Amino acid sequence: MSDDIEQGPESAGPEAPRQGAGVPRKPKVAPDPRLEHAVASENAGDAQAAAMA
């Protein structure tokens, strides 16, 4: 049973929900801070994005 518990989170991964949300794959070698900011703005909502702009 311990194997199932370990495989659960690993198979899902932190990037799985992001890709499902429609966010393009980000390069693991050199992620763009601008892309991360854009993704954060979309997740936060237009209200916060407008406030930051």
Protein backbone atom coordinates (compact mmCIF):
# COMPACT_ATOMS: atom_id res chain seq x y z
CA MET A 1 0.00 0.00 0.00
CA SER A 2 2.90 2.35 0.61
CA ASP A 3 3.83 2.09 -3.09
CA ASP A 4 0.42 3.42 -4.14
CA ILE A 5 0.74 6.38 -1.78
CA GLU A 6 4.19 7.27 -3.14
CA GLN A 7 3.17 6.91 -6.79
CA GLY A 8 0.10 9.12 -6.32
CA PRO A 9 1.79 12.51 -5.85
CA GLU A 10 4.70 11.62 -8.15
CA SER A 11 2.47 10.76 -11.10
CA ALA A 12 0.46 13.97 -10.60
CA GLY A 13 3.48 16.27 -10.13
CA PRO A 14 3.35 20.03 -9.48
CA GLU A 15 3.36 20.74 -13.23
CA ALA A 16 0.40 18.49 -14.03
CA PRO A 17 -2.31 20.95 -12.84
CA ARG A 18 -0.56 23.86 -14.56
CA GLN A 19 -0.52 22.10 -17.95
CA GLY A 20 -4.18 21.14 -17.46
CA ALA A 21 -5.04 24.79 -16.85
CA GLY A 22 -3.71 25.64 -20.31
CA VAL A 23 -0.33 27.04 -19.25
CA PRO A 24 2.42 26.32 -21.82
CA ARG A 25 5.36 24.18 -20.77
CA LYS A 26 8.17 26.24 -19.29
CA PRO A 27 11.81 25.24 -19.94
CA LYS A 28 13.36 23.74 -16.81
CA VAL A 29 16.83 24.89 -17.88
CA ALA A 30 16.14 28.63 -17.80
CA PRO A 31 12.58 29.63 -16.85
CA ASP A 32 11.63 33.18 -17.83
CA PRO A 33 10.66 35.32 -14.81
CA ARG A 34 8.33 37.23 -17.13
CA LEU A 35 6.45 34.03 -17.98
CA GLU A 36 6.17 33.16 -14.30
CA HIS A 37 4.82 36.66 -13.58
CA ALA A 38 2.28 36.31 -16.39
CA VAL A 39 1.15 32.92 -15.07
CA ALA A 40 0.90 34.34 -11.56
CA SER A 41 -1.20 37.22 -12.87
CA GLU A 42 -3.59 34.83 -14.62
CA ASN A 43 -3.91 32.69 -11.51
CA ALA A 44 -4.40 35.73 -9.26
CA GLY A 45 -7.07 37.23 -11.49
CA ASP A 46 -7.53 40.30 -13.65
CA ALA A 47 -8.14 42.48 -10.57
CA GLN A 48 -4.68 41.92 -9.09
CA ALA A 49 -3.06 41.94 -12.53
CA ALA A 50 -4.53 45.39 -13.20
CA ALA A 51 -3.39 46.60 -9.78
CA MET A 52 0.18 45.41 -10.46
CA ALA A 53 0.27 47.01 -13.92
